[in-house]
Amino acid sequence: MARAPVMAAGGIVLLRRGDTPLIAIVRQRKRNEWVLPKGKLDDGETPKQAAHREVLEETGHEVAIHEFLGTLGYQSGGRSKVVHFWRMEAVGGQVRKLMNDIKAVDWVTLDDALARLSREYERAFLTEVGPIAIAAAGLAQSSAAKPTTTLPAEDIDAAVQSLTPAEAASVDELRQGLLQKVKAWLRGEA
């Protein structure tokens, strides 16, 4: 019998600082990897509640939660993991210490986040939803105010090919939907 997937939640957390929106990435203490803030659901917790709790624990910042951005599925430790993400905005400064599992939090531009994230599937996901989150927040991304993709299509495809067929179909469906939204935004239709 197949084991149930691990359910998790997190956020694409934006910080308004001048003209450039910044995105939170966190460095795990155990693996020393840069990742998006996220974590497993506790018993009785909804994905949205878990996303809020995990982001607060991992970034130390209170956040306002906005629209749902999508779901990322991947294999971790021999099990499927499903992570639901919301767009969030940091409210004020840091309000608590980082949890012990987190070594550091950094607030970086979308391009810097894409370059620094350790996991290819997270880079592929952020490539798609990052520009949408920034546009939805009404923030300009650099002086050009247009989303940029720093990952070549073949890198994204390579990340998708490492997934199971069901995960790949889910990521591909998400990618197509998000690409349509970004294209509509670029045309000024969103």
C-alpha atoms as a PDB file:
ATOM      1  CA  MET A   1       0.000   0.000   0.000  1.00  0.00           C
ATOM      2  CA  ALA A   2       1.317   3.439  -0.941  1.00  0.00           C
ATOM      3  CA  ARG A   3       2.073   5.812   1.894  1.00  0.00           C
ATOM      4  CA  ALA A   4       0.131   9.051   2.043  1.00  0.00           C
ATOM      5  CA  PRO A   5       2.081  12.103   0.924  1.00  0.00           C
ATOM      6  CA  VAL A   6       3.534  14.445   3.518  1.00  0.00           C
ATOM      7  CA  MET A   7       1.390  17.589   3.510  1.00  0.00           C
ATOM      8  CA  ALA A   8       3.148  20.927   3.974  1.00  0.00           C
ATOM      9  CA  ALA A   9       2.590  24.632   3.392  1.00  0.00           C
ATOM     10  CA  GLY A  10       4.581  27.813   3.033  1.00  0.00           C
ATOM     11  CA  GLY A  11       4.793  31.201   1.477  1.00  0.00           C
ATOM     12  CA  ILE A  12       6.345  33.310  -1.200  1.00  0.00           C
ATOM     13  CA  VAL A  13       7.010  36.107   1.283  1.00  0.00           C
ATOM     14  CA  LEU A  14       7.516  39.611  -0.053  1.00  0.00           C
ATOM     15  CA  LEU A  15       9.039  42.580   1.729  1.00  0.00           C
ATOM     16  CA  ARG A  16       8.458  46.101   0.460  1.00  0.00           C
ATOM     17  CA  ARG A  17      11.757  47.962   0.605  1.00  0.00           C
ATOM     18  CA  GLY A  18      12.014  50.953  -1.674  1.00  0.00           C
ATOM     19  CA  ASP A  19      11.320  50.257  -5.336  1.00  0.00           C
ATOM     20  CA  THR A  20      12.587  46.677  -5.282  1.00  0.00           C
ATOM     21  CA  PRO A  21      10.448  43.884  -3.829  1.00  0.00           C
ATOM     22  CA  LEU A  22      12.422  41.343  -1.832  1.00  0.00           C
ATOM     23  CA  ILE A  23      11.618  37.651  -1.308  1.00  0.00           C
ATOM     24  CA  ALA A  24      12.421  35.626   1.811  1.00  0.00           C
ATOM     25  CA  ILE A  25      14.626  32.563   1.499  1.00  0.00           C
ATOM     26  CA  VAL A  26      15.837  30.584   4.505  1.00  0.00           C
ATOM     27  CA  ARG A  27      18.980  28.574   5.134  1.00  0.00           C
ATOM     28  CA  GLN A  28      18.452  25.213   6.783  1.00  0.00           C
ATOM     29  CA  ARG A  29      20.860  24.405   9.580  1.00  0.00           C
ATOM     30  CA  LYS A  30      20.978  20.626   8.997  1.00  0.00           C
ATOM     31  CA  ARG A  31      21.560  20.584   5.221  1.00  0.00           C
ATOM     32  CA  ASN A  32      22.939  24.118   4.838  1.00  0.00           C
ATOM     33  CA  GLU A  33      20.581  24.623   1.869  1.00  0.00           C
ATOM     34  CA  TRP A  34      18.720  27.779   0.847  1.00  0.00           C
ATOM     35  CA  VAL A  35      14.992  27.016   0.500  1.00  0.00           C
ATOM     36  CA  LEU A  36      11.590  28.690   0.451  1.00  0.00           C
ATOM     37  CA  PRO A  37       9.988  28.982   3.913  1.00  0.00           C
ATOM     38  CA  LYS A  38       7.640  26.025   4.434  1.00  0.00           C
ATOM     39  CA  GLY A  39       6.935  23.086   6.702  1.00  0.00           C
ATOM     40  CA  LYS A  40       4.689  20.168   7.581  1.00  0.00           C
ATOM     41  CA  LEU A  41       1.115  20.561   8.764  1.00  0.00           C
ATOM     42  CA  ASP A  42       0.494  19.864  12.449  1.00  0.00           C
ATOM     43  CA  ASP A  43      -2.458  17.670  13.434  1.00  0.00           C
ATOM     44  CA  GLY A  44      -5.753  19.502  12.952  1.00  0.00           C
ATOM     45  CA  GLU A  45      -4.101  22.398  11.128  1.00  0.00           C
ATOM     46  CA  THR A  46      -5.282  23.665   7.743  1.00  0.00           C
ATOM     47  CA  PRO A  47      -2.665  24.283   5.030  1.00  0.00           C
ATOM     48  CA  LYS A  48      -3.214  28.055   5.326  1.00  0.00           C
ATOM     49  CA  GLN A  49      -2.748  27.953   9.113  1.00  0.00           C
ATOM     50  CA  ALA A  50       0.402  25.860   8.709  1.00  0.00           C
ATOM     51  CA  ALA A  51       1.760  28.255   6.069  1.00  0.00           C
ATOM     52  CA  HIS A  52       1.340  31.189   8.458  1.00  0.00           C
ATOM     53  CA  ARG A  53       2.925  29.343  11.402  1.00  0.00           C
ATOM     54  CA  GLU A  54       5.837  27.964   9.389  1.00  0.00           C
ATOM     55  CA  VAL A  55       6.675  31.320   7.786  1.00  0.00           C
ATOM     56  CA  LEU A  56       6.612  33.035  11.190  1.00  0.00           C
ATOM     57  CA  GLU A  57       8.857  30.314  12.676  1.00  0.00           C
ATOM     58  CA  GLU A  58      11.304  30.259   9.764  1.00  0.00           C
ATOM     59  CA  THR A  59      11.555  33.995   8.940  1.00  0.00           C
ATOM     60  CA  GLY A  60      10.747  35.516  12.331  1.00  0.00           C
ATOM     61  CA  HIS A  61       8.340  37.916  10.604  1.00  0.00           C
ATOM     62  CA  GLU A  62       4.609  38.293  11.043  1.00  0.00           C
ATOM     63  CA  VAL A  63       2.942  38.175   7.630  1.00  0.00           C
ATOM     64  CA  ALA A  64      -0.283  39.096   5.921  1.00  0.00           C
ATOM     65  CA  ILE A  65      -1.546  36.151   3.864  1.00  0.00           C
ATOM     66  CA  HIS A  66      -2.985  36.843   0.430  1.00  0.00           C
ATOM     67  CA  GLU A  67      -3.987  34.619  -2.501  1.00  0.00           C
ATOM     68  CA  PHE A  68      -3.070  30.990  -3.029  1.00  0.00           C
ATOM     69  CA  LEU A  69      -0.229  30.652  -5.570  1.00  0.00           C
ATOM     70  CA  GLY A  70      -0.075  26.934  -6.211  1.00  0.00           C
ATOM     71  CA  THR A  71       1.090  23.530  -5.091  1.00  0.00           C
ATOM     72  CA  LEU A  72       4.532  21.991  -5.448  1.00  0.00           C
ATOM     73  CA  GLY A  73       4.920  18.206  -5.341  1.00  0.00           C
ATOM     74  CA  TYR A  74       8.226  16.351  -5.087  1.00  0.00           C
ATOM     75  CA  GLN A  75       9.952  13.328  -3.520  1.00  0.00           C
ATOM     76  CA  SER A  76      11.681  13.765  -0.165  1.00  0.00           C
ATOM     77  CA  GLY A  77      13.206  10.904   1.793  1.00  0.00           C
ATOM     78  CA  GLY A  78      11.429   8.315  -0.342  1.00  0.00           C
ATOM     79  CA  ARG A  79       7.989   9.880   0.185  1.00  0.00           C
ATOM     80  CA  SER A  80       5.905  12.272  -1.832  1.00  0.00           C
ATOM     81  CA  LYS A  81       5.656  15.740  -0.375  1.00  0.00           C
ATOM     82  CA  VAL A  82       2.930  18.215  -1.353  1.00  0.00           C
ATOM     83  CA  VAL A  83       3.456  21.880  -0.414  1.00  0.00           C
ATOM     84  CA  HIS A  84       0.743  24.538  -0.778  1.00  0.00           C
ATOM     85  CA  PHE A  85       2.016  28.126  -1.184  1.00  0.00           C
ATOM     86  CA  TRP A  86       0.383  31.503  -0.592  1.00  0.00           C
ATOM     87  CA  ARG A  87       1.559  34.984  -1.438  1.00  0.00           C
ATOM     88  CA  MET A  88       2.478  36.744   1.776  1.00  0.00           C
ATOM     89  CA  GLU A  89       3.818  40.132   2.750  1.00  0.00           C
ATOM     90  CA  ALA A  90       6.005  40.762   5.781  1.00  0.00           C
ATOM     91  CA  VAL A  91       4.389  43.117   8.267  1.00  0.00           C
ATOM     92  CA  GLY A  92       6.973  45.276  10.001  1.00  0.00           C
ATOM     93  CA  GLY A  93      10.285  43.946  11.249  1.00  0.00           C
ATOM     94  CA  GLN A  94      11.318  40.660  12.783  1.00  0.00           C
ATOM     95  CA  VAL A  95       9.094  39.799  15.776  1.00  0.00           C
ATOM     96  CA  ARG A  96      10.685  36.558  16.986  1.00  0.00           C
ATOM     97  CA  LYS A  97      13.857  34.498  16.845  1.00  0.00           C
ATOM     98  CA  LEU A  98      14.226  31.959  14.053  1.00  0.00           C
ATOM     99  CA  MET A  99      13.401  28.351  14.881  1.00  0.00           C
ATOM    100  CA  ASN A 100      16.400  26.113  15.646  1.00  0.00           C
ATOM    101  CA  ASP A 101      16.208  24.349  12.247  1.00  0.00           C
ATOM    102  CA  ILE A 102      16.890  27.635  10.438  1.00  0.00           C
ATOM    103  CA  LYS A 103      20.368  29.105  10.303  1.00  0.00           C
ATOM    104  CA  ALA A 104      19.500  32.370   8.520  1.00  0.00           C
ATOM    105  CA  VAL A 105      16.845  34.270   6.604  1.00  0.00           C
ATOM    106  CA  ASP A 106      17.758  36.529   3.718  1.00  0.00           C
ATOM    107  CA  TRP A 107      15.618  39.008   1.783  1.00  0.00           C
ATOM    108  CA  VAL A 108      16.709  39.072  -1.845  1.00  0.00           C
ATOM    109  CA  THR A 109      15.440  40.056  -5.274  1.00  0.00           C
ATOM    110  CA  LEU A 110      13.605  37.472  -7.346  1.00  0.00           C
ATOM    111  CA  ASP A 111      16.652  36.969  -9.560  1.00  0.00           C
ATOM    112  CA  ASP A 112      18.922  36.509  -6.523  1.00  0.00           C
ATOM    113  CA  ALA A 113      16.459  34.052  -4.946  1.00  0.00           C
ATOM    114  CA  LEU A 114      16.407  32.018  -8.163  1.00  0.00           C
ATOM    115  CA  ALA A 115      20.203  31.959  -8.230  1.00  0.00           C
ATOM    116  CA  ARG A 116      20.570  31.013  -4.564  1.00  0.00           C
ATOM    117  CA  LEU A 117      17.840  28.403  -3.995  1.00  0.00           C
ATOM    118  CA  SER A 118      19.476  24.993  -3.555  1.00  0.00           C
ATOM    119  CA  ARG A 119      16.671  22.847  -4.945  1.00  0.00           C
ATOM    120  CA  GLU A 120      15.972  22.863  -8.656  1.00  0.00           C
ATOM    121  CA  TYR A 121      12.252  22.164  -8.258  1.00  0.00           C
ATOM    122  CA  GLU A 122      11.912  25.208  -5.965  1.00  0.00           C
ATOM    123  CA  ARG A 123      13.731  27.364  -8.522  1.00  0.00           C
ATOM    124  CA  ALA A 124      11.365  26.123 -11.251  1.00  0.00           C
ATOM    125  CA  PHE A 125       8.329  26.842  -9.044  1.00  0.00           C
ATOM    126  CA  LEU A 126       9.557  30.324  -8.058  1.00  0.00           C
ATOM    127  CA  THR A 127      10.380  31.106 -11.690  1.00  0.00           C
ATOM    128  CA  GLU A 128       6.684  30.652 -12.429  1.00  0.00           C
ATOM    129  CA  VAL A 129       4.994  32.117  -9.353  1.00  0.00           C
ATOM    130  CA  GLY A 130       7.502  34.805  -8.330  1.00  0.00           C
ATOM    131  CA  PRO A 131       6.535  37.296 -11.059  1.00  0.00           C
ATOM    132  CA  ILE A 132       2.848  36.611 -10.375  1.00  0.00           C
ATOM    133  CA  ALA A 133       3.292  37.251  -6.632  1.00  0.00           C
ATOM    134  CA  ILE A 134       5.150  40.490  -7.312  1.00  0.00           C
ATOM    135  CA  ALA A 135       2.535  41.647  -9.824  1.00  0.00           C
ATOM    136  CA  ALA A 136      -0.333  40.706  -7.472  1.00  0.00           C
ATOM    137  CA  ALA A 137       1.286  42.751  -4.705  1.00  0.00           C
ATOM    138  CA  GLY A 138       1.406  45.766  -7.020  1.00  0.00           C
ATOM    139  CA  LEU A 139       5.162  45.904  -6.735  1.00  0.00           C
ATOM    140  CA  ALA A 140       7.487  46.681  -9.607  1.00  0.00           C
ATOM    141  CA  GLN A 141      10.254  44.196 -10.254  1.00  0.00           C
ATOM    142  CA  SER A 142      13.256  46.379 -11.038  1.00  0.00           C
ATOM    143  CA  SER A 143      13.033  49.521 -13.111  1.00  0.00           C
ATOM    144  CA  ALA A 144      11.692  47.587 -16.107  1.00  0.00           C
ATOM    145  CA  ALA A 145       8.752  46.303 -13.994  1.00  0.00           C
ATOM    146  CA  LYS A 146       8.707  43.121 -16.071  1.00  0.00           C
ATOM    147  CA  PRO A 147       9.314  39.598 -14.805  1.00  0.00           C
ATOM    148  CA  THR A 148      12.540  37.971 -15.834  1.00  0.00           C
ATOM    149  CA  THR A 149      13.430  34.316 -15.893  1.00  0.00           C
ATOM    150  CA  THR A 150      16.982  33.433 -14.977  1.00  0.00           C
ATOM    151  CA  LEU A 151      16.568  29.699 -15.486  1.00  0.00           C
ATOM    152  CA  PRO A 152      16.830  28.395 -19.028  1.00  0.00           C
ATOM    153  CA  ALA A 153      13.863  26.292 -20.126  1.00  0.00           C
ATOM    154  CA  GLU A 154      16.060  23.185 -20.298  1.00  0.00           C
ATOM    155  CA  ASP A 155      16.904  23.553 -16.563  1.00  0.00           C
ATOM    156  CA  ILE A 156      13.214  23.719 -15.702  1.00  0.00           C
ATOM    157  CA  ASP A 157      12.520  20.732 -17.946  1.00  0.00           C
ATOM    158  CA  ALA A 158      15.365  18.786 -16.295  1.00  0.00           C
ATOM    159  CA  ALA A 159      13.846  19.468 -12.868  1.00  0.00           C
ATOM    160  CA  VAL A 160      10.426  18.316 -14.053  1.00  0.00           C
ATOM    161  CA  GLN A 161      11.912  15.136 -15.598  1.00  0.00           C
ATOM    162  CA  SER A 162      13.281  14.114 -12.179  1.00  0.00           C
ATOM    163  CA  LEU A 163       9.728  13.944 -10.797  1.00  0.00           C
ATOM    164  CA  THR A 164       7.344  11.003 -10.895  1.00  0.00           C
ATOM    165  CA  PRO A 165       4.849  11.050 -13.805  1.00  0.00           C
ATOM    166  CA  ALA A 166       2.013  12.244 -11.531  1.00  0.00           C
ATOM    167  CA  GLU A 167       4.171  15.001 -10.025  1.00  0.00           C
ATOM    168  CA  ALA A 168       5.416  16.058 -13.458  1.00  0.00           C
ATOM    169  CA  ALA A 169       1.854  16.319 -14.784  1.00  0.00           C
ATOM    170  CA  SER A 170       0.893  18.462 -11.798  1.00  0.00           C
ATOM    171  CA  VAL A 171       3.912  20.747 -12.236  1.00  0.00           C
ATOM    172  CA  ASP A 172       3.340  20.985 -15.997  1.00  0.00           C
ATOM    173  CA  GLU A 173      -0.320  21.901 -15.480  1.00  0.00           C
ATOM    174  CA  LEU A 174       0.684  24.538 -12.935  1.00  0.00           C
ATOM    175  CA  ARG A 175       3.414  25.871 -15.216  1.00  0.00           C
ATOM    176  CA  GLN A 176       1.035  26.241 -18.163  1.00  0.00           C
ATOM    177  CA  GLY A 177      -1.583  28.026 -16.072  1.00  0.00           C
ATOM    178  CA  LEU A 178       0.940  30.372 -14.518  1.00  0.00           C
ATOM    179  CA  LEU A 179       2.574  31.130 -17.854  1.00  0.00           C
ATOM    180  CA  GLN A 180      -0.813  32.189 -19.198  1.00  0.00           C
ATOM    181  CA  LYS A 181      -1.275  34.508 -16.197  1.00  0.00           C
ATOM    182  CA  VAL A 182       2.181  36.063 -16.648  1.00  0.00           C
ATOM    183  CA  LYS A 183       1.571  36.577 -20.383  1.00  0.00           C
ATOM    184  CA  ALA A 184      -1.785  38.249 -19.635  1.00  0.00           C
ATOM    185  CA  TRP A 185      -0.068  40.473 -17.061  1.00  0.00           C
ATOM    186  CA  LEU A 186       2.637  41.439 -19.553  1.00  0.00           C
ATOM    187  CA  ARG A 187      -0.094  42.379 -22.056  1.00  0.00           C
ATOM    188  CA  GLY A 188      -1.734  44.511 -19.355  1.00  0.00           C
ATOM    189  CA  GLU A 189      -4.806  42.272 -19.166  1.00  0.00           C
ATOM    190  CA  ALA A 190      -4.435  41.212 -15.544  1.00  0.00           C
END
